[in-house]
Amino acid sequence: TRALVTTGRCALAIDWGDIGPLSLDPGGEAIKNKMGATVMMGTKKVLDKATGKLVDCDATRCPHAIDGINYSPFAAFGGWTGGINAKADDKVKQAGYNFLSYMNQAAQSNVDVTIGWTGYNPYRNSQLDNLEPWIKAGFTEESAKNYLGAIKDSLNNPNMASDLKIPGTAEYQGVVLDRELARFLAGEITAEEAVANVETGWEEITERFGRDEQKNLYKSSLGITN
């Protein structure tokens, strides 16, 4: 889908922030400074957990709604990380640390995030607030403000949903969910069967890792300590 967008053959994509900088690459001329970015779509209805039904938003159910629409941007993937082998020689450890430090300092990273093929998206305040590197990279001021504004609106939304960070995440999402969605989209099973299969698969994974342990780790990943 991403390639279809950058070549002007697809009008809409739900993706990370890569498409913005990729539009500046030689293959992105079709959409360069012609694309727009926004937060993930919201809804005027939310799930009532007590009844299992969708109900209208109100000030109590959707305290962070904007003009009656409840948004919950998804922080997919969870970001890049760097690791250094604990058993490595001290000089190697220091060299590794110096490299990671260099890559993430503003002087280097504020340019890297404007280059599509790096896979980096803005993650420092200076990258989100300073338009100069983006304009230098090829954005117009209007396009840069739109692109960075959508990312800031997503990151600052109180309802932002973080990616799952517990044991078995790859199985929950990459095995069970992906498999059943693919079967549903292929017409092999109904929506109800897909939901039931996902629930069964997730329950099996949860039981294998331990329900209480998974619950505690999930709460910890959200910063909930009580």
C-alpha atoms as a PDB file:
ATOM      1  CA  THR A   1       0.000   0.000   0.000  1.00  0.00           C
ATOM      2  CA  ARG A   2       2.801   2.418   0.879  1.00  0.00           C
ATOM      3  CA  ALA A   3       4.355   2.156  -2.584  1.00  0.00           C
ATOM      4  CA  LEU A   4       0.946   2.656  -4.188  1.00  0.00           C
ATOM      5  CA  VAL A   5       0.514   5.875  -2.215  1.00  0.00           C
ATOM      6  CA  THR A   6       3.956   7.313  -2.972  1.00  0.00           C
ATOM      7  CA  THR A   7       3.477   6.643  -6.688  1.00  0.00           C
ATOM      8  CA  GLY A   8       0.068   8.322  -6.690  1.00  0.00           C
ATOM      9  CA  ARG A   9      -1.998   5.190  -7.317  1.00  0.00           C
ATOM     10  CA  CYS A  10      -3.692   4.997  -3.904  1.00  0.00           C
ATOM     11  CA  ALA A  11      -5.492   7.840  -2.159  1.00  0.00           C
ATOM     12  CA  LEU A  12      -5.520   6.615   1.448  1.00  0.00           C
ATOM     13  CA  ALA A  13      -3.275   4.578   3.720  1.00  0.00           C
ATOM     14  CA  ILE A  14      -3.089   3.844   7.434  1.00  0.00           C
ATOM     15  CA  ASP A  15       0.619   3.664   8.183  1.00  0.00           C
ATOM     16  CA  TRP A  16       3.471   4.861  10.342  1.00  0.00           C
ATOM     17  CA  GLY A  17       4.889   8.293   9.602  1.00  0.00           C
ATOM     18  CA  ASP A  18       7.198   7.000   6.864  1.00  0.00           C
ATOM     19  CA  ILE A  19       5.051   8.116   3.945  1.00  0.00           C
ATOM     20  CA  GLY A  20       5.723  11.785   4.713  1.00  0.00           C
ATOM     21  CA  PRO A  21       9.509  11.672   4.203  1.00  0.00           C
ATOM     22  CA  LEU A  22       9.188   8.996   1.498  1.00  0.00           C
ATOM     23  CA  SER A  23       7.167  11.477  -0.551  1.00  0.00           C
ATOM     24  CA  LEU A  24      10.376  13.503  -0.871  1.00  0.00           C
ATOM     25  CA  ASP A  25      12.298  10.594  -2.425  1.00  0.00           C
ATOM     26  CA  PRO A  26      12.699  10.387  -6.226  1.00  0.00           C
ATOM     27  CA  GLY A  27       9.825   7.897  -6.392  1.00  0.00           C
ATOM     28  CA  GLY A  28       7.452  10.170  -4.504  1.00  0.00           C
ATOM     29  CA  GLU A  29       7.120  13.067  -6.931  1.00  0.00           C
ATOM     30  CA  ALA A  30       3.453  12.243  -7.530  1.00  0.00           C
ATOM     31  CA  ILE A  31       2.480  13.204  -3.986  1.00  0.00           C
ATOM     32  CA  LYS A  32       5.309  15.512  -2.887  1.00  0.00           C
ATOM     33  CA  ASN A  33       3.737  18.300  -0.820  1.00  0.00           C
ATOM     34  CA  LYS A  34       0.298  17.182  -2.017  1.00  0.00           C
ATOM     35  CA  MET A  35      -0.508  14.706   0.748  1.00  0.00           C
ATOM     36  CA  GLY A  36      -2.175  15.309   4.077  1.00  0.00           C
ATOM     37  CA  ALA A  37      -1.803  13.558   7.423  1.00  0.00           C
ATOM     38  CA  THR A  38      -4.211  13.293  10.329  1.00  0.00           C
ATOM     39  CA  VAL A  39      -4.798  11.302  13.503  1.00  0.00           C
ATOM     40  CA  MET A  40      -6.490   7.924  13.257  1.00  0.00           C
ATOM     41  CA  MET A  41     -10.210   8.190  12.653  1.00  0.00           C
ATOM     42  CA  GLY A  42     -12.433   8.517  15.697  1.00  0.00           C
ATOM     43  CA  THR A  43     -16.002   7.532  16.463  1.00  0.00           C
ATOM     44  CA  LYS A  44     -19.089   8.944  18.146  1.00  0.00           C
ATOM     45  CA  LYS A  45     -19.791   5.575  19.756  1.00  0.00           C
ATOM     46  CA  VAL A  46     -17.844   3.534  22.306  1.00  0.00           C
ATOM     47  CA  LEU A  47     -18.211   0.061  23.751  1.00  0.00           C
ATOM     48  CA  ASP A  48     -20.277  -0.276  26.913  1.00  0.00           C
ATOM     49  CA  LYS A  49     -18.440  -3.103  28.662  1.00  0.00           C
ATOM     50  CA  ALA A  50     -21.433  -3.907  30.849  1.00  0.00           C
ATOM     51  CA  THR A  51     -23.736  -4.608  27.911  1.00  0.00           C
ATOM     52  CA  GLY A  52     -21.215  -5.374  25.177  1.00  0.00           C
ATOM     53  CA  LYS A  53     -22.973  -2.880  22.905  1.00  0.00           C
ATOM     54  CA  LEU A  54     -21.914   0.352  21.219  1.00  0.00           C
ATOM     55  CA  VAL A  55     -23.393   3.457  22.839  1.00  0.00           C
ATOM     56  CA  ASP A  56     -23.255   7.163  22.080  1.00  0.00           C
ATOM     57  CA  CYS A  57     -20.401   9.224  23.478  1.00  0.00           C
ATOM     58  CA  ASP A  58     -21.131  11.661  26.258  1.00  0.00           C
ATOM     59  CA  ALA A  59     -19.001  13.693  28.667  1.00  0.00           C
ATOM     60  CA  THR A  60     -18.717  10.754  31.060  1.00  0.00           C
ATOM     61  CA  ARG A  61     -17.990   7.985  28.583  1.00  0.00           C
ATOM     62  CA  CYS A  62     -15.735  10.077  26.343  1.00  0.00           C
ATOM     63  CA  PRO A  63     -14.131  12.780  28.515  1.00  0.00           C
ATOM     64  CA  HIS A  64     -11.439  13.483  25.911  1.00  0.00           C
ATOM     65  CA  ALA A  65     -13.733  13.607  22.881  1.00  0.00           C
ATOM     66  CA  ILE A  66     -13.263  16.449  20.403  1.00  0.00           C
ATOM     67  CA  ASP A  67     -16.504  17.863  19.013  1.00  0.00           C
ATOM     68  CA  GLY A  68     -18.266  14.703  20.135  1.00  0.00           C
ATOM     69  CA  ILE A  69     -15.778  12.375  18.430  1.00  0.00           C
ATOM     70  CA  ASN A  70     -13.661  10.035  20.543  1.00  0.00           C
ATOM     71  CA  TYR A  71     -10.154   9.499  19.146  1.00  0.00           C
ATOM     72  CA  SER A  72      -7.702   6.823  20.243  1.00  0.00           C
ATOM     73  CA  PRO A  73      -4.518   7.046  18.146  1.00  0.00           C
ATOM     74  CA  PHE A  74      -2.535   3.812  18.041  1.00  0.00           C
ATOM     75  CA  ALA A  75       1.192   3.958  18.829  1.00  0.00           C
ATOM     76  CA  ALA A  76       1.989   0.942  16.670  1.00  0.00           C
ATOM     77  CA  PHE A  77       5.278  -0.948  16.841  1.00  0.00           C
ATOM     78  CA  GLY A  78       6.511   0.733  20.033  1.00  0.00           C
ATOM     79  CA  GLY A  79       9.602   2.406  18.631  1.00  0.00           C
ATOM     80  CA  TRP A  80      13.219   1.577  17.877  1.00  0.00           C
ATOM     81  CA  THR A  81      15.531   0.214  20.569  1.00  0.00           C
ATOM     82  CA  GLY A  82      19.251  -0.424  20.829  1.00  0.00           C
ATOM     83  CA  GLY A  83      20.959  -3.213  22.725  1.00  0.00           C
ATOM     84  CA  ILE A  84      24.522  -4.021  23.780  1.00  0.00           C
ATOM     85  CA  ASN A  85      25.625  -7.531  24.742  1.00  0.00           C
ATOM     86  CA  ALA A  86      26.336  -7.627  28.474  1.00  0.00           C
ATOM     87  CA  LYS A  87      29.171 -10.095  27.856  1.00  0.00           C
ATOM     88  CA  ALA A  88      30.931  -7.898  25.311  1.00  0.00           C
ATOM     89  CA  ASP A  89      34.348  -6.385  26.000  1.00  0.00           C
ATOM     90  CA  ASP A  90      34.180  -3.064  27.861  1.00  0.00           C
ATOM     91  CA  LYS A  91      35.642  -1.235  24.864  1.00  0.00           C
ATOM     92  CA  VAL A  92      32.976  -2.746  22.626  1.00  0.00           C
ATOM     93  CA  LYS A  93      30.266  -1.737  25.088  1.00  0.00           C
ATOM     94  CA  GLN A  94      31.540   1.831  25.157  1.00  0.00           C
ATOM     95  CA  ALA A  95      31.773   1.951  21.368  1.00  0.00           C
ATOM     96  CA  GLY A  96      28.224   0.627  21.111  1.00  0.00           C
ATOM     97  CA  TYR A  97      26.975   3.216  23.583  1.00  0.00           C
ATOM     98  CA  ASN A  98      28.790   6.005  21.740  1.00  0.00           C
ATOM     99  CA  PHE A  99      27.204   4.899  18.464  1.00  0.00           C
ATOM    100  CA  LEU A 100      23.683   4.788  19.907  1.00  0.00           C
ATOM    101  CA  SER A 101      24.251   8.169  21.543  1.00  0.00           C
ATOM    102  CA  TYR A 102      25.458   9.647  18.254  1.00  0.00           C
ATOM    103  CA  MET A 103      22.489   8.263  16.339  1.00  0.00           C
ATOM    104  CA  ASN A 104      20.020   9.808  18.763  1.00  0.00           C
ATOM    105  CA  GLN A 105      21.567  13.207  19.373  1.00  0.00           C
ATOM    106  CA  ALA A 106      19.661  16.079  17.800  1.00  0.00           C
ATOM    107  CA  ALA A 107      22.437  17.015  15.362  1.00  0.00           C
ATOM    108  CA  GLN A 108      22.169  13.617  13.661  1.00  0.00           C
ATOM    109  CA  SER A 109      18.662  12.337  14.370  1.00  0.00           C
ATOM    110  CA  ASN A 110      16.893  15.576  13.477  1.00  0.00           C
ATOM    111  CA  VAL A 111      18.131  15.059   9.925  1.00  0.00           C
ATOM    112  CA  ASP A 112      17.621  11.284   9.872  1.00  0.00           C
ATOM    113  CA  VAL A 113      13.892  11.578  10.586  1.00  0.00           C
ATOM    114  CA  THR A 114      13.441  13.658   7.431  1.00  0.00           C
ATOM    115  CA  ILE A 115      14.879  10.847   5.261  1.00  0.00           C
ATOM    116  CA  GLY A 116      12.310   8.237   4.279  1.00  0.00           C
ATOM    117  CA  TRP A 117      14.550   5.188   3.951  1.00  0.00           C
ATOM    118  CA  THR A 118      15.864   5.459   7.538  1.00  0.00           C
ATOM    119  CA  GLY A 119      12.521   4.286   8.895  1.00  0.00           C
ATOM    120  CA  TYR A 120      12.811   6.866  11.674  1.00  0.00           C
ATOM    121  CA  ASN A 121       9.832   9.020  12.584  1.00  0.00           C
ATOM    122  CA  PRO A 122       9.943  12.139  14.792  1.00  0.00           C
ATOM    123  CA  TYR A 123      10.457  11.295  18.470  1.00  0.00           C
ATOM    124  CA  ARG A 124      12.166  14.372  19.958  1.00  0.00           C
ATOM    125  CA  ASN A 125      10.431  17.660  20.730  1.00  0.00           C
ATOM    126  CA  SER A 126      12.971  19.483  18.578  1.00  0.00           C
ATOM    127  CA  GLN A 127      12.070  17.252  15.624  1.00  0.00           C
ATOM    128  CA  LEU A 128       8.395  18.072  16.036  1.00  0.00           C
ATOM    129  CA  ASP A 129       8.765  21.789  16.720  1.00  0.00           C
ATOM    130  CA  ASN A 130      11.588  22.887  14.408  1.00  0.00           C
ATOM    131  CA  LEU A 131      10.402  23.140  10.809  1.00  0.00           C
ATOM    132  CA  GLU A 132      13.780  24.108   9.353  1.00  0.00           C
ATOM    133  CA  PRO A 133      15.176  20.566   8.777  1.00  0.00           C
ATOM    134  CA  TRP A 134      11.900  19.512   7.168  1.00  0.00           C
ATOM    135  CA  ILE A 135      11.781  22.476   4.827  1.00  0.00           C
ATOM    136  CA  LYS A 136      15.443  21.932   3.973  1.00  0.00           C
ATOM    137  CA  ALA A 137      14.611  18.303   3.150  1.00  0.00           C
ATOM    138  CA  GLY A 138      11.943  19.395   0.662  1.00  0.00           C
ATOM    139  CA  PHE A 139       8.710  19.967   2.566  1.00  0.00           C
ATOM    140  CA  THR A 140       6.823  23.202   2.153  1.00  0.00           C
ATOM    141  CA  GLU A 141       6.065  24.962   5.420  1.00  0.00           C
ATOM    142  CA  GLU A 142       2.389  24.064   5.070  1.00  0.00           C
ATOM    143  CA  SER A 143       3.122  20.375   4.438  1.00  0.00           C
ATOM    144  CA  ALA A 144       5.604  20.193   7.315  1.00  0.00           C
ATOM    145  CA  LYS A 145       3.121  21.747   9.736  1.00  0.00           C
ATOM    146  CA  ASN A 146       0.410  19.325   8.644  1.00  0.00           C
ATOM    147  CA  TYR A 147       2.636  16.228   8.868  1.00  0.00           C
ATOM    148  CA  LEU A 148       4.197  17.102  12.227  1.00  0.00           C
ATOM    149  CA  GLY A 149       0.897  18.384  13.588  1.00  0.00           C
ATOM    150  CA  ALA A 150      -0.778  15.022  12.980  1.00  0.00           C
ATOM    151  CA  ILE A 151       2.018  13.234  14.836  1.00  0.00           C
ATOM    152  CA  LYS A 152       1.895  15.680  17.750  1.00  0.00           C
ATOM    153  CA  ASP A 153      -1.884  15.415  17.974  1.00  0.00           C
ATOM    154  CA  SER A 154      -1.553  11.629  18.122  1.00  0.00           C
ATOM    155  CA  LEU A 155       1.196  11.579  20.750  1.00  0.00           C
ATOM    156  CA  ASN A 156      -0.537  14.166  22.930  1.00  0.00           C
ATOM    157  CA  ASN A 157      -3.967  12.532  22.858  1.00  0.00           C
ATOM    158  CA  PRO A 158      -4.889  11.256  26.357  1.00  0.00           C
ATOM    159  CA  ASN A 159      -6.524   8.217  24.740  1.00  0.00           C
ATOM    160  CA  MET A 160      -3.418   7.154  22.821  1.00  0.00           C
ATOM    161  CA  ALA A 161      -3.216   3.358  22.780  1.00  0.00           C
ATOM    162  CA  SER A 162       0.213   1.826  23.175  1.00  0.00           C
ATOM    163  CA  ASP A 163       1.297  -1.277  21.310  1.00  0.00           C
ATOM    164  CA  LEU A 164       1.060  -4.544  23.239  1.00  0.00           C
ATOM    165  CA  LYS A 165       4.261  -5.231  25.204  1.00  0.00           C
ATOM    166  CA  ILE A 166       3.795  -8.581  26.937  1.00  0.00           C
ATOM    167  CA  PRO A 167       5.066 -12.117  26.271  1.00  0.00           C
ATOM    168  CA  GLY A 168       3.284 -13.698  23.330  1.00  0.00           C
ATOM    169  CA  THR A 169       2.523 -10.433  21.551  1.00  0.00           C
ATOM    170  CA  ALA A 170       3.746 -11.874  18.243  1.00  0.00           C
ATOM    171  CA  GLU A 171       1.412 -14.843  18.709  1.00  0.00           C
ATOM    172  CA  TYR A 172      -1.616 -12.784  19.763  1.00  0.00           C
ATOM    173  CA  GLN A 173      -1.290 -10.449  16.790  1.00  0.00           C
ATOM    174  CA  GLY A 174       0.969 -11.999  14.175  1.00  0.00           C
ATOM    175  CA  VAL A 175      -0.326 -15.570  14.379  1.00  0.00           C
ATOM    176  CA  VAL A 176      -3.873 -15.781  15.715  1.00  0.00           C
ATOM    177  CA  LEU A 177      -5.296 -12.380  14.742  1.00  0.00           C
ATOM    178  CA  ASP A 178      -3.607 -12.179  11.339  1.00  0.00           C
ATOM    179  CA  ARG A 179      -4.579 -15.741  10.474  1.00  0.00           C
ATOM    180  CA  GLU A 180      -8.247 -15.363  11.331  1.00  0.00           C
ATOM    181  CA  LEU A 181      -8.542 -11.966   9.656  1.00  0.00           C
ATOM    182  CA  ALA A 182      -7.012 -13.433   6.503  1.00  0.00           C
ATOM    183  CA  ARG A 183      -9.481 -16.321   6.582  1.00  0.00           C
ATOM    184  CA  PHE A 184     -12.394 -13.922   7.048  1.00  0.00           C
ATOM    185  CA  LEU A 185     -11.251 -11.630   4.220  1.00  0.00           C
ATOM    186  CA  ALA A 186     -10.842 -14.658   1.965  1.00  0.00           C
ATOM    187  CA  GLY A 187     -14.462 -15.617   2.639  1.00  0.00           C
ATOM    188  CA  GLU A 188     -13.531 -18.867   4.371  1.00  0.00           C
ATOM    189  CA  ILE A 189     -15.264 -17.999   7.666  1.00  0.00           C
ATOM    190  CA  THR A 190     -17.906 -15.562   8.902  1.00  0.00           C
ATOM    191  CA  ALA A 191     -17.203 -12.543  11.086  1.00  0.00           C
ATOM    192  CA  GLU A 192     -18.693 -14.374  14.065  1.00  0.00           C
ATOM    193  CA  GLU A 193     -16.447 -17.381  13.469  1.00  0.00           C
ATOM    194  CA  ALA A 194     -13.400 -15.138  13.152  1.00  0.00           C
ATOM    195  CA  VAL A 195     -14.173 -13.461  16.484  1.00  0.00           C
ATOM    196  CA  ALA A 196     -14.722 -16.818  18.180  1.00  0.00           C
ATOM    197  CA  ASN A 197     -11.491 -18.244  16.762  1.00  0.00           C
ATOM    198  CA  VAL A 198      -9.495 -15.207  17.858  1.00  0.00           C
ATOM    199  CA  GLU A 199     -10.942 -15.432  21.355  1.00  0.00           C
ATOM    200  CA  THR A 200     -10.112 -19.139  21.595  1.00  0.00           C
ATOM    201  CA  GLY A 201      -6.577 -18.590  20.318  1.00  0.00           C
ATOM    202  CA  TRP A 202      -5.929 -15.678  22.648  1.00  0.00           C
ATOM    203  CA  GLU A 203      -7.251 -17.591  25.629  1.00  0.00           C
ATOM    204  CA  GLU A 204      -4.884 -20.479  24.865  1.00  0.00           C
ATOM    205  CA  ILE A 205      -1.893 -18.128  24.693  1.00  0.00           C
ATOM    206  CA  THR A 206      -2.912 -16.351  27.893  1.00  0.00           C
ATOM    207  CA  GLU A 207      -3.298 -19.608  29.790  1.00  0.00           C
ATOM    208  CA  ARG A 208       0.078 -20.832  28.554  1.00  0.00           C
ATOM    209  CA  PHE A 209       1.913 -17.747  29.785  1.00  0.00           C
ATOM    210  CA  GLY A 210      -0.228 -17.414  32.914  1.00  0.00           C
ATOM    211  CA  ARG A 211      -3.262 -15.137  33.152  1.00  0.00           C
ATOM    212  CA  ASP A 212      -2.225 -13.337  36.335  1.00  0.00           C
ATOM    213  CA  GLU A 213       1.337 -12.859  35.096  1.00  0.00           C
ATOM    214  CA  GLN A 214       0.113 -11.463  31.772  1.00  0.00           C
ATOM    215  CA  LYS A 215      -2.277  -9.127  33.554  1.00  0.00           C
ATOM    216  CA  ASN A 216       0.460  -7.816  35.840  1.00  0.00           C
ATOM    217  CA  LEU A 217       2.904  -7.321  32.979  1.00  0.00           C
ATOM    218  CA  TYR A 218       0.266  -5.513  30.926  1.00  0.00           C
ATOM    219  CA  LYS A 219      -0.541  -3.165  33.804  1.00  0.00           C
ATOM    220  CA  SER A 220       3.160  -2.527  34.287  1.00  0.00           C
ATOM    221  CA  SER A 221       3.574  -1.679  30.592  1.00  0.00           C
ATOM    222  CA  LEU A 222       0.907   1.006  31.037  1.00  0.00           C
ATOM    223  CA  GLY A 223       2.622   2.427  34.111  1.00  0.00           C
ATOM    224  CA  ILE A 224      -0.104   1.181  36.464  1.00  0.00           C
ATOM    225  CA  THR A 225       1.493   0.144  39.741  1.00  0.00           C
ATOM    226  CA  ASN A 226      -1.467  -0.579  42.033  1.00  0.00           C
END
